[in-house]
Amino acid sequence: MSFKRLDPDDFVVSAQSITATCWTGNVTALTTFFTQSNQVSSISGKYYTTVFNTSSAGDNREAQFQIAYGNENGGGALAYNNTAAPGVSPASTIYGQYRTLILEDENANFVWGNYSGSQTFYALSVERARYKESLLPGSINLTLSGSGTNNNLELTDNSKMVNLPTYYGTQRVYQMISGSNGLSYNTGSDGYTTSNGSYGWFCPDISTVLLNSSALDLTTAQGISLNTTTTSNTNGNNNQKMFNVIVSGKQFALNSEETITSDFVFVRARNSEFNYSENPSYISGSTGEVIYNYFINNPQTYMTTIGLYNDSNDLLAVAKLSKPLNKDFTKEALVRVKLDF
């Protein structure tokens, strides 16, 4: 075994983005959606709905995403205690949670593109087990089908129409628009509604899509007449309304991404190096002489393993070659070791 100190030029750091679909079974898009009856009928079902990829009798059944409804004033949900705390309901709690998480300011409001008149939204949160590091901008294609003039509404984010996302604190935000694959359908158009701004926000770092209920409630060709209930102290069953239009749309495509950082270590064996072996079969145990005369005039080795040590001689990593590499004074070797983390 021989040692050689590596130089700074022998190290290179590289980062590579890896993408994959979010959904179970590596399907590119969900086209069927199911809920669990006991969850929907429970108390939690009034606050959020878990969506699965198959029915209860199906194989490979796993949660894919959740649907929740948020309202700044608590409308569309029963109040916890309308006498002691009027307007405070699960809807207002959900609104506050997402406001703190995304805006990072409990006094700020959501602005849907150029519209701040609506402080109600539907939150689609992807199950944590379904994605890698974050969601991939430009990959979302969500079809909602309602009873409006335009039955099908196809939504995507505007990531391919802007140079940089909008940042709220540490959170990246893209606007949800009418279009596909990160672009508006109409060239020169921002993909917003005429009166109620964008269709929501795409938040890739927290795996969440917020949908602007005011835009979806439009009865014109730009909406789907979702008819969101915003009346105070009323169970509007809004989660189920959103679930129904997703089921009818039959299209929810979304990818995730992950940045893999790799360290490349270039180990060089020059012609004069690593030509002698310390293997016991190479030399005589009694005299210390080379056993085979052939190796006296033509010493050579077969390299099989590279070990990386620190300055304290602690072995940190081991790289195995796919096959032994012959080395003598007439050859030089360059081995690239890749460390992923």
C-alpha atoms as a PDB file:
ATOM      1  CA  MET A   1       0.000   0.000   0.000  1.00  0.00           C
ATOM      2  CA  SER A   2       1.359   3.403  -0.984  1.00  0.00           C
ATOM      3  CA  PHE A   3       0.302   6.927  -0.052  1.00  0.00           C
ATOM      4  CA  LYS A   4       0.248  10.196  -1.944  1.00  0.00           C
ATOM      5  CA  ARG A   5      -0.816  13.639  -0.754  1.00  0.00           C
ATOM      6  CA  LEU A   6      -3.491  15.249  -2.927  1.00  0.00           C
ATOM      7  CA  ASP A   7      -3.206  18.845  -4.112  1.00  0.00           C
ATOM      8  CA  PRO A   8      -6.065  21.405  -4.048  1.00  0.00           C
ATOM      9  CA  ASP A   9      -6.288  21.132  -7.838  1.00  0.00           C
ATOM     10  CA  ASP A  10      -7.215  17.477  -7.427  1.00  0.00           C
ATOM     11  CA  PHE A  11     -10.613  18.399  -5.936  1.00  0.00           C
ATOM     12  CA  VAL A  12     -13.625  19.648  -7.898  1.00  0.00           C
ATOM     13  CA  VAL A  13     -17.137  20.278  -6.505  1.00  0.00           C
ATOM     14  CA  SER A  14     -20.146  19.894  -8.808  1.00  0.00           C
ATOM     15  CA  ALA A  15     -23.925  20.278  -8.318  1.00  0.00           C
ATOM     16  CA  GLN A  16     -26.514  18.535 -10.468  1.00  0.00           C
ATOM     17  CA  SER A  17     -30.312  18.816 -10.420  1.00  0.00           C
ATOM     18  CA  ILE A  18     -32.225  15.530 -10.439  1.00  0.00           C
ATOM     19  CA  THR A  19     -35.940  15.547 -11.307  1.00  0.00           C
ATOM     20  CA  ALA A  20     -38.679  12.955 -10.890  1.00  0.00           C
ATOM     21  CA  THR A  21     -42.448  12.851 -10.838  1.00  0.00           C
ATOM     22  CA  CYS A  22     -44.126  13.394  -7.489  1.00  0.00           C
ATOM     23  CA  TRP A  23     -46.698  10.651  -7.699  1.00  0.00           C
ATOM     24  CA  THR A  24     -46.675   7.036  -6.560  1.00  0.00           C
ATOM     25  CA  GLY A  25     -45.623   4.548  -9.210  1.00  0.00           C
ATOM     26  CA  ASN A  26     -43.659   7.244 -11.089  1.00  0.00           C
ATOM     27  CA  VAL A  27     -46.752   8.183 -13.086  1.00  0.00           C
ATOM     28  CA  THR A  28     -46.319  11.529 -14.849  1.00  0.00           C
ATOM     29  CA  ALA A  29     -49.786  12.750 -13.883  1.00  0.00           C
ATOM     30  CA  LEU A  30     -52.589  11.782 -11.553  1.00  0.00           C
ATOM     31  CA  THR A  31     -55.827  11.210 -13.469  1.00  0.00           C
ATOM     32  CA  THR A  32     -57.931   9.558 -10.776  1.00  0.00           C
ATOM     33  CA  PHE A  33     -58.388  10.806  -7.238  1.00  0.00           C
ATOM     34  CA  PHE A  34     -59.835   9.179  -4.127  1.00  0.00           C
ATOM     35  CA  THR A  35     -60.594  10.115  -0.547  1.00  0.00           C
ATOM     36  CA  GLN A  36     -61.028   8.010   2.580  1.00  0.00           C
ATOM     37  CA  SER A  37     -64.611   8.079   3.810  1.00  0.00           C
ATOM     38  CA  ASN A  38     -63.806   7.900   7.517  1.00  0.00           C
ATOM     39  CA  GLN A  39     -61.370  10.807   7.196  1.00  0.00           C
ATOM     40  CA  VAL A  40     -63.823  12.956   5.224  1.00  0.00           C
ATOM     41  CA  SER A  41     -66.629  12.295   7.712  1.00  0.00           C
ATOM     42  CA  SER A  42     -64.441  12.945  10.748  1.00  0.00           C
ATOM     43  CA  ILE A  43     -63.897  16.298  12.431  1.00  0.00           C
ATOM     44  CA  SER A  44     -60.622  16.753  10.521  1.00  0.00           C
ATOM     45  CA  GLY A  45     -62.537  16.299   7.261  1.00  0.00           C
ATOM     46  CA  LYS A  46     -64.104  19.712   7.806  1.00  0.00           C
ATOM     47  CA  TYR A  47     -60.630  21.275   7.787  1.00  0.00           C
ATOM     48  CA  TYR A  48     -58.698  19.349   5.159  1.00  0.00           C
ATOM     49  CA  THR A  49     -59.055  16.393   2.791  1.00  0.00           C
ATOM     50  CA  THR A  50     -56.360  13.811   2.054  1.00  0.00           C
ATOM     51  CA  VAL A  51     -56.307  12.650  -1.569  1.00  0.00           C
ATOM     52  CA  PHE A  52     -55.102   9.156  -2.527  1.00  0.00           C
ATOM     53  CA  ASN A  53     -54.047   7.603  -5.804  1.00  0.00           C
ATOM     54  CA  THR A  54     -56.326   4.547  -5.630  1.00  0.00           C
ATOM     55  CA  SER A  55     -59.525   3.464  -3.920  1.00  0.00           C
ATOM     56  CA  SER A  56     -59.463   1.694  -0.577  1.00  0.00           C
ATOM     57  CA  ALA A  57     -59.598  -1.665  -2.362  1.00  0.00           C
ATOM     58  CA  GLY A  58     -56.743  -0.816  -4.711  1.00  0.00           C
ATOM     59  CA  ASP A  59     -53.108  -1.844  -4.469  1.00  0.00           C
ATOM     60  CA  ASN A  60     -50.267   0.577  -3.807  1.00  0.00           C
ATOM     61  CA  ARG A  61     -52.588   3.055  -2.095  1.00  0.00           C
ATOM     62  CA  GLU A  62     -50.752   6.090  -0.744  1.00  0.00           C
ATOM     63  CA  ALA A  63     -51.585   9.675   0.154  1.00  0.00           C
ATOM     64  CA  GLN A  64     -50.640  12.094  -2.636  1.00  0.00           C
ATOM     65  CA  PHE A  65     -51.666  15.560  -1.436  1.00  0.00           C
ATOM     66  CA  GLN A  66     -54.014  17.401   0.927  1.00  0.00           C
ATOM     67  CA  ILE A  67     -56.666  20.036   0.259  1.00  0.00           C
ATOM     68  CA  ALA A  68     -57.374  22.776   2.800  1.00  0.00           C
ATOM     69  CA  TYR A  69     -59.340  26.030   2.706  1.00  0.00           C
ATOM     70  CA  GLY A  70     -58.157  29.282   4.265  1.00  0.00           C
ATOM     71  CA  ASN A  71     -60.126  32.463   4.921  1.00  0.00           C
ATOM     72  CA  GLU A  72     -58.734  35.476   6.753  1.00  0.00           C
ATOM     73  CA  ASN A  73     -62.086  36.221   8.430  1.00  0.00           C
ATOM     74  CA  GLY A  74     -62.906  32.594   9.179  1.00  0.00           C
ATOM     75  CA  GLY A  75     -65.774  32.396   6.692  1.00  0.00           C
ATOM     76  CA  GLY A  76     -66.784  29.096   5.158  1.00  0.00           C
ATOM     77  CA  ALA A  77     -66.228  27.149   8.383  1.00  0.00           C
ATOM     78  CA  LEU A  78     -67.940  26.836  11.753  1.00  0.00           C
ATOM     79  CA  ALA A  79     -66.411  29.003  14.461  1.00  0.00           C
ATOM     80  CA  TYR A  80     -64.733  27.352  17.416  1.00  0.00           C
ATOM     81  CA  ASN A  81     -66.794  29.484  19.760  1.00  0.00           C
ATOM     82  CA  ASN A  82     -68.769  32.197  18.010  1.00  0.00           C
ATOM     83  CA  THR A  83     -69.635  33.880  21.312  1.00  0.00           C
ATOM     84  CA  ALA A  84     -66.189  34.052  22.846  1.00  0.00           C
ATOM     85  CA  ALA A  85     -64.231  34.407  19.595  1.00  0.00           C
ATOM     86  CA  PRO A  86     -66.413  35.486  16.659  1.00  0.00           C
ATOM     87  CA  GLY A  87     -64.993  34.604  13.239  1.00  0.00           C
ATOM     88  CA  VAL A  88     -62.219  32.415  14.582  1.00  0.00           C
ATOM     89  CA  SER A  89     -62.569  29.091  12.808  1.00  0.00           C
ATOM     90  CA  PRO A  90     -60.442  26.352  11.211  1.00  0.00           C
ATOM     91  CA  ALA A  91     -60.482  28.441   8.002  1.00  0.00           C
ATOM     92  CA  SER A  92     -58.915  31.443   9.763  1.00  0.00           C
ATOM     93  CA  THR A  93     -56.396  29.168  11.503  1.00  0.00           C
ATOM     94  CA  ILE A  94     -55.345  27.632   8.175  1.00  0.00           C
ATOM     95  CA  TYR A  95     -55.078  31.101   6.654  1.00  0.00           C
ATOM     96  CA  GLY A  96     -52.829  32.246   9.494  1.00  0.00           C
ATOM     97  CA  GLN A  97     -50.626  29.168   9.252  1.00  0.00           C
ATOM     98  CA  TYR A  98     -49.922  29.680   5.551  1.00  0.00           C
ATOM     99  CA  ARG A  99     -49.499  33.432   5.982  1.00  0.00           C
ATOM    100  CA  THR A 100     -46.832  32.840   8.627  1.00  0.00           C
ATOM    101  CA  LEU A 101     -45.194  30.045   6.646  1.00  0.00           C
ATOM    102  CA  ILE A 102     -45.031  31.837   3.281  1.00  0.00           C
ATOM    103  CA  LEU A 103     -45.219  35.577   3.959  1.00  0.00           C
ATOM    104  CA  GLU A 104     -43.354  35.258   7.261  1.00  0.00           C
ATOM    105  CA  ASP A 105     -45.344  38.259   8.483  1.00  0.00           C
ATOM    106  CA  GLU A 106     -48.624  37.881  10.379  1.00  0.00           C
ATOM    107  CA  ASN A 107     -49.729  41.345   9.286  1.00  0.00           C
ATOM    108  CA  ALA A 108     -49.143  40.865   5.539  1.00  0.00           C
ATOM    109  CA  ASN A 109     -51.730  39.872   2.953  1.00  0.00           C
ATOM    110  CA  PHE A 110     -51.633  37.701  -0.150  1.00  0.00           C
ATOM    111  CA  VAL A 111     -51.475  39.485  -3.505  1.00  0.00           C
ATOM    112  CA  TRP A 112     -52.593  37.330  -6.432  1.00  0.00           C
ATOM    113  CA  GLY A 113     -50.556  38.867  -9.219  1.00  0.00           C
ATOM    114  CA  ASN A 114     -51.991  42.378  -9.167  1.00  0.00           C
ATOM    115  CA  TYR A 115     -55.052  41.693  -7.019  1.00  0.00           C
ATOM    116  CA  SER A 116     -55.284  41.817  -3.225  1.00  0.00           C
ATOM    117  CA  GLY A 117     -59.062  41.977  -2.845  1.00  0.00           C
ATOM    118  CA  SER A 118     -59.401  38.298  -1.930  1.00  0.00           C
ATOM    119  CA  GLN A 119     -57.919  36.836   1.223  1.00  0.00           C
ATOM    120  CA  THR A 120     -59.331  33.355   0.691  1.00  0.00           C
ATOM    121  CA  PHE A 121     -57.572  30.435  -0.927  1.00  0.00           C
ATOM    122  CA  TYR A 122     -57.431  26.694  -1.405  1.00  0.00           C
ATOM    123  CA  ALA A 123     -54.149  25.053  -0.399  1.00  0.00           C
ATOM    124  CA  LEU A 124     -52.937  21.930  -2.192  1.00  0.00           C
ATOM    125  CA  SER A 125     -50.029  20.549  -0.180  1.00  0.00           C
ATOM    126  CA  VAL A 126     -48.063  17.645  -1.643  1.00  0.00           C
ATOM    127  CA  GLU A 127     -47.423  14.771   0.745  1.00  0.00           C
ATOM    128  CA  ARG A 128     -43.822  14.974   2.000  1.00  0.00           C
ATOM    129  CA  ALA A 129     -43.023  11.422   0.941  1.00  0.00           C
ATOM    130  CA  ARG A 130     -43.978  12.240  -2.647  1.00  0.00           C
ATOM    131  CA  TYR A 131     -41.241  14.749  -3.487  1.00  0.00           C
ATOM    132  CA  LYS A 132     -37.494  15.120  -3.127  1.00  0.00           C
ATOM    133  CA  GLU A 133     -36.075  18.501  -2.083  1.00  0.00           C
ATOM    134  CA  SER A 134     -38.654  20.823  -3.653  1.00  0.00           C
ATOM    135  CA  LEU A 135     -41.186  21.027  -6.475  1.00  0.00           C
ATOM    136  CA  LEU A 136     -39.950  21.736 -10.001  1.00  0.00           C
ATOM    137  CA  PRO A 137     -41.123  25.088 -11.439  1.00  0.00           C
ATOM    138  CA  GLY A 138     -42.669  24.751 -14.883  1.00  0.00           C
ATOM    139  CA  SER A 139     -43.760  21.158 -14.319  1.00  0.00           C
ATOM    140  CA  ILE A 140     -47.193  21.720 -12.819  1.00  0.00           C
ATOM    141  CA  ASN A 141     -50.196  21.183 -15.088  1.00  0.00           C
ATOM    142  CA  LEU A 142     -53.473  21.153 -13.180  1.00  0.00           C
ATOM    143  CA  THR A 143     -56.869  20.923 -14.870  1.00  0.00           C
ATOM    144  CA  LEU A 144     -59.981  21.992 -12.962  1.00  0.00           C
ATOM    145  CA  SER A 145     -63.411  21.284 -14.407  1.00  0.00           C
ATOM    146  CA  GLY A 146     -66.459  23.123 -13.102  1.00  0.00           C
ATOM    147  CA  SER A 147     -69.801  24.406 -14.254  1.00  0.00           C
ATOM    148  CA  GLY A 148     -68.704  27.770 -15.603  1.00  0.00           C
ATOM    149  CA  THR A 149     -68.767  29.051 -19.172  1.00  0.00           C
ATOM    150  CA  ASN A 150     -65.358  27.454 -19.647  1.00  0.00           C
ATOM    151  CA  ASN A 151     -65.785  24.011 -18.088  1.00  0.00           C
ATOM    152  CA  ASN A 152     -62.047  23.174 -18.098  1.00  0.00           C
ATOM    153  CA  LEU A 153     -59.459  25.508 -16.647  1.00  0.00           C
ATOM    154  CA  GLU A 154     -55.831  24.490 -17.251  1.00  0.00           C
ATOM    155  CA  LEU A 155     -53.365  26.002 -14.817  1.00  0.00           C
ATOM    156  CA  THR A 156     -49.583  26.168 -14.567  1.00  0.00           C
ATOM    157  CA  ASP A 157     -47.027  28.475 -12.969  1.00  0.00           C
ATOM    158  CA  ASN A 158     -45.378  31.409 -14.762  1.00  0.00           C
ATOM    159  CA  SER A 159     -41.777  30.314 -14.081  1.00  0.00           C
ATOM    160  CA  LYS A 160     -40.795  30.420 -17.763  1.00  0.00           C
ATOM    161  CA  MET A 161     -42.171  33.942 -18.171  1.00  0.00           C
ATOM    162  CA  VAL A 162     -40.124  35.613 -15.421  1.00  0.00           C
ATOM    163  CA  ASN A 163     -36.397  35.898 -14.915  1.00  0.00           C
ATOM    164  CA  LEU A 164     -36.638  35.550 -11.146  1.00  0.00           C
ATOM    165  CA  PRO A 165     -39.379  34.364  -8.791  1.00  0.00           C
ATOM    166  CA  THR A 166     -40.924  36.659  -6.218  1.00  0.00           C
ATOM    167  CA  TYR A 167     -39.410  36.159  -2.774  1.00  0.00           C
ATOM    168  CA  TYR A 168     -41.363  36.495   0.464  1.00  0.00           C
ATOM    169  CA  GLY A 169     -38.689  36.191   3.089  1.00  0.00           C
ATOM    170  CA  THR A 170     -36.963  32.945   2.144  1.00  0.00           C
ATOM    171  CA  GLN A 171     -39.844  31.543   0.080  1.00  0.00           C
ATOM    172  CA  ARG A 172     -39.899  31.459  -3.725  1.00  0.00           C
ATOM    173  CA  VAL A 173     -43.302  32.209  -5.237  1.00  0.00           C
ATOM    174  CA  TYR A 174     -44.542  31.963  -8.828  1.00  0.00           C
ATOM    175  CA  GLN A 175     -47.977  33.034 -10.002  1.00  0.00           C
ATOM    176  CA  MET A 176     -50.484  30.402 -11.103  1.00  0.00           C
ATOM    177  CA  ILE A 177     -51.786  31.269 -14.559  1.00  0.00           C
ATOM    178  CA  SER A 178     -53.896  29.901 -17.377  1.00  0.00           C
ATOM    179  CA  GLY A 179     -51.446  27.920 -19.495  1.00  0.00           C
ATOM    180  CA  SER A 180     -49.210  24.858 -19.464  1.00  0.00           C
ATOM    181  CA  ASN A 181     -45.594  23.956 -18.708  1.00  0.00           C
ATOM    182  CA  GLY A 182     -44.759  27.336 -17.191  1.00  0.00           C
ATOM    183  CA  LEU A 183     -46.133  29.480 -20.032  1.00  0.00           C
ATOM    184  CA  SER A 184     -49.374  31.341 -20.712  1.00  0.00           C
ATOM    185  CA  TYR A 185     -51.498  30.043 -23.558  1.00  0.00           C
ATOM    186  CA  ASN A 186     -51.755  33.492 -25.116  1.00  0.00           C
ATOM    187  CA  THR A 187     -48.531  35.117 -26.331  1.00  0.00           C
ATOM    188  CA  GLY A 188     -48.111  38.511 -24.703  1.00  0.00           C
ATOM    189  CA  SER A 189     -50.648  37.706 -21.982  1.00  0.00           C
ATOM    190  CA  ASP A 190     -49.748  37.248 -18.322  1.00  0.00           C
ATOM    191  CA  GLY A 191     -52.345  34.488 -17.956  1.00  0.00           C
ATOM    192  CA  TYR A 192     -54.204  36.334 -15.181  1.00  0.00           C
ATOM    193  CA  THR A 193     -57.938  36.896 -14.956  1.00  0.00           C
ATOM    194  CA  THR A 194     -59.114  40.317 -16.077  1.00  0.00           C
ATOM    195  CA  SER A 195     -60.611  41.337 -12.736  1.00  0.00           C
ATOM    196  CA  ASN A 196     -59.280  39.060  -9.997  1.00  0.00           C
ATOM    197  CA  GLY A 197     -55.583  38.722 -10.718  1.00  0.00           C
ATOM    198  CA  SER A 198     -53.726  35.443 -10.975  1.00  0.00           C
ATOM    199  CA  TYR A 199     -55.144  32.038 -10.112  1.00  0.00           C
ATOM    200  CA  GLY A 200     -52.883  31.702  -7.097  1.00  0.00           C
ATOM    201  CA  TRP A 201     -49.331  30.959  -6.056  1.00  0.00           C
ATOM    202  CA  PHE A 202     -46.932  28.110  -6.725  1.00  0.00           C
ATOM    203  CA  CYS A 203     -44.583  27.707  -3.747  1.00  0.00           C
ATOM    204  CA  PRO A 204     -41.972  25.088  -4.734  1.00  0.00           C
ATOM    205  CA  ASP A 205     -39.898  25.178  -1.540  1.00  0.00           C
ATOM    206  CA  ILE A 206     -42.811  24.164   0.696  1.00  0.00           C
ATOM    207  CA  SER A 207     -44.494  21.894  -1.886  1.00  0.00           C
ATOM    208  CA  THR A 208     -47.686  23.928  -1.874  1.00  0.00           C
ATOM    209  CA  VAL A 209     -50.062  25.411  -4.434  1.00  0.00           C
ATOM    210  CA  LEU A 210     -52.393  28.170  -3.265  1.00  0.00           C
ATOM    211  CA  LEU A 211     -55.409  28.748  -5.506  1.00  0.00           C
ATOM    212  CA  ASN A 212     -57.156  32.131  -5.486  1.00  0.00           C
ATOM    213  CA  SER A 213     -60.805  31.311  -4.809  1.00  0.00           C
ATOM    214  CA  SER A 214     -62.041  34.623  -6.228  1.00  0.00           C
ATOM    215  CA  ALA A 215     -60.550  33.782  -9.621  1.00  0.00           C
ATOM    216  CA  LEU A 216     -62.028  30.282  -9.589  1.00  0.00           C
ATOM    217  CA  ASP A 217     -65.445  31.599  -8.541  1.00  0.00           C
ATOM    218  CA  LEU A 218     -65.748  33.728 -11.696  1.00  0.00           C
ATOM    219  CA  THR A 219     -68.729  32.775 -13.858  1.00  0.00           C
ATOM    220  CA  THR A 220     -67.050  34.077 -17.016  1.00  0.00           C
ATOM    221  CA  ALA A 221     -64.844  32.012 -19.332  1.00  0.00           C
ATOM    222  CA  GLN A 222     -61.916  32.797 -17.019  1.00  0.00           C
ATOM    223  CA  GLY A 223     -63.427  30.930 -14.048  1.00  0.00           C
ATOM    224  CA  ILE A 224     -65.223  27.686 -13.285  1.00  0.00           C
ATOM    225  CA  SER A 225     -68.080  28.964 -11.062  1.00  0.00           C
ATOM    226  CA  LEU A 226     -66.640  27.169  -8.062  1.00  0.00           C
ATOM    227  CA  ASN A 227     -69.040  28.994  -5.733  1.00  0.00           C
ATOM    228  CA  THR A 228     -66.811  29.111  -2.668  1.00  0.00           C
ATOM    229  CA  THR A 229     -68.755  29.613   0.563  1.00  0.00           C
ATOM    230  CA  THR A 230     -67.376  32.563   2.537  1.00  0.00           C
ATOM    231  CA  THR A 231     -70.286  33.141   4.939  1.00  0.00           C
ATOM    232  CA  SER A 232     -69.201  33.407   8.562  1.00  0.00           C
ATOM    233  CA  ASN A 233     -69.876  30.508  10.941  1.00  0.00           C
ATOM    234  CA  THR A 234     -71.044  28.281   8.087  1.00  0.00           C
ATOM    235  CA  ASN A 235     -69.663  24.899   7.101  1.00  0.00           C
ATOM    236  CA  GLY A 236     -69.252  25.546   3.378  1.00  0.00           C
ATOM    237  CA  ASN A 237     -67.758  22.142   2.565  1.00  0.00           C
ATOM    238  CA  ASN A 238     -65.215  24.000   0.446  1.00  0.00           C
ATOM    239  CA  ASN A 239     -62.624  21.219   0.586  1.00  0.00           C
ATOM    240  CA  GLN A 240     -65.065  18.896  -1.152  1.00  0.00           C
ATOM    241  CA  LYS A 241     -65.834  21.509  -3.803  1.00  0.00           C
ATOM    242  CA  MET A 242     -62.168  21.744  -4.721  1.00  0.00           C
ATOM    243  CA  PHE A 243     -61.818  17.959  -4.689  1.00  0.00           C
ATOM    244  CA  ASN A 244     -64.775  17.621  -7.065  1.00  0.00           C
ATOM    245  CA  VAL A 245     -63.353  19.980  -9.689  1.00  0.00           C
ATOM    246  CA  ILE A 246     -59.977  18.223  -9.499  1.00  0.00           C
ATOM    247  CA  VAL A 247     -61.662  14.856 -10.001  1.00  0.00           C
ATOM    248  CA  SER A 248     -63.577  16.226 -13.000  1.00  0.00           C
ATOM    249  CA  GLY A 249     -60.413  17.783 -14.465  1.00  0.00           C
ATOM    250  CA  LYS A 250     -58.582  14.414 -14.457  1.00  0.00           C
ATOM    251  CA  GLN A 251     -55.116  15.973 -14.769  1.00  0.00           C
ATOM    252  CA  PHE A 252     -52.576  16.847 -12.092  1.00  0.00           C
ATOM    253  CA  ALA A 253     -49.007  16.628 -13.382  1.00  0.00           C
ATOM    254  CA  LEU A 254     -46.149  17.705 -11.128  1.00  0.00           C
ATOM    255  CA  ASN A 255     -42.436  16.952 -10.775  1.00  0.00           C
ATOM    256  CA  SER A 256     -40.002  17.417  -7.939  1.00  0.00           C
ATOM    257  CA  GLU A 257     -36.303  18.216  -8.013  1.00  0.00           C
ATOM    258  CA  GLU A 258     -33.258  17.627  -5.875  1.00  0.00           C
ATOM    259  CA  THR A 259     -29.776  19.116  -6.061  1.00  0.00           C
ATOM    260  CA  ILE A 260     -27.100  16.441  -5.687  1.00  0.00           C
ATOM    261  CA  THR A 261     -23.708  17.821  -4.698  1.00  0.00           C
ATOM    262  CA  SER A 262     -20.723  15.745  -5.756  1.00  0.00           C
ATOM    263  CA  ASP A 263     -17.061  15.940  -4.858  1.00  0.00           C
ATOM    264  CA  PHE A 264     -14.757  14.728  -7.613  1.00  0.00           C
ATOM    265  CA  VAL A 265     -11.290  13.657  -6.502  1.00  0.00           C
ATOM    266  CA  PHE A 266      -8.702  13.081  -9.207  1.00  0.00           C
ATOM    267  CA  VAL A 267      -6.096  10.570  -8.117  1.00  0.00           C
ATOM    268  CA  ARG A 268      -3.030  10.524 -10.370  1.00  0.00           C
ATOM    269  CA  ALA A 269      -0.492   7.724 -10.489  1.00  0.00           C
ATOM    270  CA  ARG A 270       2.533   8.942 -12.438  1.00  0.00           C
ATOM    271  CA  ASN A 271       4.884   6.585 -14.266  1.00  0.00           C
ATOM    272  CA  SER A 272       7.348   6.396 -11.365  1.00  0.00           C
ATOM    273  CA  GLU A 273       4.703   5.840  -8.680  1.00  0.00           C
ATOM    274  CA  PHE A 274       2.824   2.811  -7.328  1.00  0.00           C
ATOM    275  CA  ASN A 275       4.906   0.246  -9.248  1.00  0.00           C
ATOM    276  CA  TYR A 276       5.929  -1.849  -6.234  1.00  0.00           C
ATOM    277  CA  SER A 277       3.655  -3.941  -4.076  1.00  0.00           C
ATOM    278  CA  GLU A 278       3.834  -4.720  -0.367  1.00  0.00           C
ATOM    279  CA  ASN A 279       1.748  -7.838  -0.807  1.00  0.00           C
ATOM    280  CA  PRO A 280       3.378 -10.770   1.097  1.00  0.00           C
ATOM    281  CA  SER A 281       3.216 -12.914  -2.044  1.00  0.00           C
ATOM    282  CA  TYR A 282       5.459 -10.384  -3.838  1.00  0.00           C
ATOM    283  CA  ILE A 283       8.570 -10.782  -1.645  1.00  0.00           C
ATOM    284  CA  SER A 284      10.234 -13.511   0.363  1.00  0.00           C
ATOM    285  CA  GLY A 285       9.226 -13.527   4.000  1.00  0.00           C
ATOM    286  CA  SER A 286      12.664 -14.687   5.159  1.00  0.00           C
ATOM    287  CA  THR A 287      15.045 -12.635   2.995  1.00  0.00           C
ATOM    288  CA  GLY A 288      12.837  -9.744   1.842  1.00  0.00           C
ATOM    289  CA  GLU A 289      13.875 -10.350  -1.754  1.00  0.00           C
ATOM    290  CA  VAL A 290      11.541 -10.237  -4.731  1.00  0.00           C
ATOM    291  CA  ILE A 291      10.389 -13.786  -5.338  1.00  0.00           C
ATOM    292  CA  TYR A 292       9.997 -13.575  -9.097  1.00  0.00           C
ATOM    293  CA  ASN A 293      13.002 -12.331 -11.076  1.00  0.00           C
ATOM    294  CA  TYR A 294      10.692 -10.940 -13.740  1.00  0.00           C
ATOM    295  CA  PHE A 295       9.552  -8.207 -11.318  1.00  0.00           C
ATOM    296  CA  ILE A 296      13.125  -7.100 -10.593  1.00  0.00           C
ATOM    297  CA  ASN A 297      13.660  -5.531 -14.006  1.00  0.00           C
ATOM    298  CA  ASN A 298       9.991  -4.925 -14.757  1.00  0.00           C
ATOM    299  CA  PRO A 299       8.130  -4.206 -11.521  1.00  0.00           C
ATOM    300  CA  GLN A 300       4.367  -3.843 -11.863  1.00  0.00           C
ATOM    301  CA  THR A 301       1.246  -3.857  -9.747  1.00  0.00           C
ATOM    302  CA  TYR A 302      -2.496  -4.241 -10.148  1.00  0.00           C
ATOM    303  CA  MET A 303      -4.414  -1.461  -8.440  1.00  0.00           C
ATOM    304  CA  THR A 304      -7.847  -2.463  -7.132  1.00  0.00           C
ATOM    305  CA  THR A 305      -8.718   0.028  -4.376  1.00  0.00           C
ATOM    306  CA  ILE A 306      -8.243   3.718  -3.599  1.00  0.00           C
ATOM    307  CA  GLY A 307      -8.555   4.908  -0.042  1.00  0.00           C
ATOM    308  CA  LEU A 308      -8.955   8.557   0.963  1.00  0.00           C
ATOM    309  CA  TYR A 309      -7.330   9.515   4.275  1.00  0.00           C
ATOM    310  CA  ASN A 310      -7.220  12.707   6.299  1.00  0.00           C
ATOM    311  CA  ASP A 311      -4.090  14.174   7.870  1.00  0.00           C
ATOM    312  CA  SER A 312      -4.575  11.950  10.933  1.00  0.00           C
ATOM    313  CA  ASN A 313      -4.434   8.847   8.745  1.00  0.00           C
ATOM    314  CA  ASP A 314      -8.126   8.113   9.312  1.00  0.00           C
ATOM    315  CA  LEU A 315      -9.712   6.300   6.392  1.00  0.00           C
ATOM    316  CA  LEU A 316     -12.644   8.428   5.213  1.00  0.00           C
ATOM    317  CA  ALA A 317     -13.752   6.780   1.965  1.00  0.00           C
ATOM    318  CA  VAL A 318     -12.967   3.790  -0.193  1.00  0.00           C
ATOM    319  CA  ALA A 319     -13.302   3.562  -3.973  1.00  0.00           C
ATOM    320  CA  LYS A 320     -13.278   0.183  -5.685  1.00  0.00           C
ATOM    321  CA  LEU A 321     -12.167  -0.100  -9.306  1.00  0.00           C
ATOM    322  CA  SER A 322     -14.386  -2.160 -11.588  1.00  0.00           C
ATOM    323  CA  LYS A 323     -11.378  -4.296 -12.508  1.00  0.00           C
ATOM    324  CA  PRO A 324      -7.686  -4.400 -11.509  1.00  0.00           C
ATOM    325  CA  LEU A 325      -5.643  -1.688 -13.205  1.00  0.00           C
ATOM    326  CA  ASN A 326      -2.168  -2.733 -14.349  1.00  0.00           C
ATOM    327  CA  LYS A 327       0.582  -0.215 -13.501  1.00  0.00           C
ATOM    328  CA  ASP A 328       4.313  -0.155 -14.342  1.00  0.00           C
ATOM    329  CA  PHE A 329       7.018   2.394 -15.215  1.00  0.00           C
ATOM    330  CA  THR A 330       5.648   2.747 -18.761  1.00  0.00           C
ATOM    331  CA  LYS A 331       2.109   3.700 -17.669  1.00  0.00           C
ATOM    332  CA  GLU A 332       0.361   6.538 -15.914  1.00  0.00           C
ATOM    333  CA  ALA A 333      -3.127   6.367 -14.462  1.00  0.00           C
ATOM    334  CA  LEU A 334      -5.795   8.972 -13.685  1.00  0.00           C
ATOM    335  CA  VAL A 335      -8.718   7.763 -11.602  1.00  0.00           C
ATOM    336  CA  ARG A 336     -11.721  10.002 -10.904  1.00  0.00           C
ATOM    337  CA  VAL A 337     -13.418   9.292  -7.575  1.00  0.00           C
ATOM    338  CA  LYS A 338     -16.967  10.644  -7.168  1.00  0.00           C
ATOM    339  CA  LEU A 339     -18.433  11.322  -3.726  1.00  0.00           C
ATOM    340  CA  ASP A 340     -22.185  12.096  -3.619  1.00  0.00           C
ATOM    341  CA  PHE A 341     -23.829  13.646  -0.592  1.00  0.00           C
END
